[in-house]
Amino acid sequence: MLAGLVASLLFRSGKMNATSRLTTAKKEHGIMLGLLSLAFSLSKPALKVYATKLLKDYLARRLTAGQRSNHANTRTPPY
């Protein structure tokens, strides 16, 4: 661990404070990444609603299929 700490201190590029690192990182990403992250953030709620609807439909189909096969004359597997 000590060798890793020494190596990181030796190869550090200039002294920067936390705010200047943040602004440098923001400038490097560009507008395309910003638009992509905005689009992803806006689509999350819609995807959640769609996934919830799919899950509800799937569970409803499973429950109705299970109720139909539980008749007295229907053979069911032992497990």
Protein backbone atom coordinates (compact mmCIF):
# COMPACT_ATOMS: atom_id res chain seq x y z
CA MET A 1 0.00 0.00 0.00
CA LEU A 2 2.87 2.30 0.77
CA ALA A 3 4.38 1.77 -2.69
CA GLY A 4 1.04 2.65 -4.30
CA LEU A 5 0.79 5.82 -2.24
CA VAL A 6 4.33 6.88 -3.14
CA ALA A 7 3.73 6.15 -6.84
CA SER A 8 0.51 8.17 -6.86
CA LEU A 9 2.26 11.10 -5.22
CA LEU A 10 5.17 10.96 -7.67
CA PHE A 11 3.02 10.86 -10.81
CA ARG A 12 0.49 13.48 -9.72
CA SER A 13 0.06 16.19 -12.33
CA GLY A 14 0.31 19.57 -10.63
CA LYS A 15 -1.59 20.69 -7.58
CA MET A 16 -5.32 21.19 -8.10
CA ASN A 17 -8.04 21.80 -5.61
CA ALA A 18 -11.33 19.93 -5.72
CA THR A 19 -13.31 22.63 -7.54
CA SER A 20 -10.79 23.01 -10.36
CA ARG A 21 -10.77 19.22 -10.85
CA LEU A 22 -14.54 19.25 -11.12
CA THR A 23 -14.64 22.02 -13.71
CA THR A 24 -11.89 20.31 -15.72
CA ALA A 25 -13.84 17.05 -15.71
CA LYS A 26 -17.02 18.83 -16.80
CA LYS A 27 -15.26 20.54 -19.70
CA GLU A 28 -13.79 17.26 -20.98
CA HIS A 29 -17.13 15.47 -21.34
CA GLY A 30 -18.64 17.70 -23.97
CA ILE A 31 -22.17 18.40 -25.06
CA MET A 32 -22.98 14.93 -26.48
CA LEU A 33 -22.44 13.22 -23.15
CA GLY A 34 -24.50 15.90 -21.44
CA LEU A 35 -27.38 15.38 -23.85
CA LEU A 36 -27.13 11.61 -23.49
CA SER A 37 -27.25 11.79 -19.69
CA LEU A 38 -30.21 14.20 -19.88
CA ALA A 39 -32.10 11.86 -22.21
CA PHE A 40 -31.39 8.89 -19.95
CA SER A 41 -32.51 10.79 -16.86
CA LEU A 42 -35.75 11.84 -18.54
CA SER A 43 -36.51 8.32 -19.80
CA LYS A 44 -36.05 6.56 -16.43
CA PRO A 45 -39.60 7.20 -15.14
CA ALA A 46 -41.17 6.06 -18.41
CA LEU A 47 -39.10 2.88 -18.39
CA LYS A 48 -40.11 2.21 -14.78
CA VAL A 49 -43.80 2.53 -15.64
CA TYR A 50 -43.39 0.26 -18.68
CA ALA A 51 -41.49 -2.40 -16.70
CA THR A 52 -44.11 -2.30 -13.92
CA LYS A 53 -46.90 -2.77 -16.47
CA LEU A 54 -45.11 -5.72 -18.05
CA LEU A 55 -44.57 -7.33 -14.65
CA LYS A 56 -48.23 -6.87 -13.67
CA ASP A 57 -49.41 -8.38 -16.95
CA TYR A 58 -47.03 -11.33 -16.57
CA LEU A 59 -48.14 -12.03 -13.02
CA ALA A 60 -51.81 -11.72 -13.99
CA ARG A 61 -51.31 -14.27 -16.78
CA ARG A 62 -49.50 -16.63 -14.41
CA LEU A 63 -52.26 -16.40 -11.80
CA THR A 64 -55.10 -16.95 -14.26
CA ALA A 65 -53.24 -19.87 -15.87
CA GLY A 66 -52.70 -21.40 -12.43
CA GLN A 67 -56.38 -21.06 -11.51
CA ARG A 68 -57.55 -22.78 -14.69
CA SER A 69 -55.37 -25.84 -14.16
CA ASN A 70 -56.42 -26.46 -10.53
CA HIS A 71 -59.54 -28.44 -11.40
CA ALA A 72 -60.25 -31.81 -9.79
CA ASN A 73 -59.93 -33.74 -13.06
CA THR A 74 -56.64 -32.18 -14.08
CA ARG A 75 -53.46 -34.07 -13.29
CA THR A 76 -50.82 -31.92 -11.69
CA PRO A 77 -47.17 -32.79 -11.17
CA PRO A 78 -46.25 -33.79 -7.59
CA TYR A 79 -43.78 -30.91 -7.16
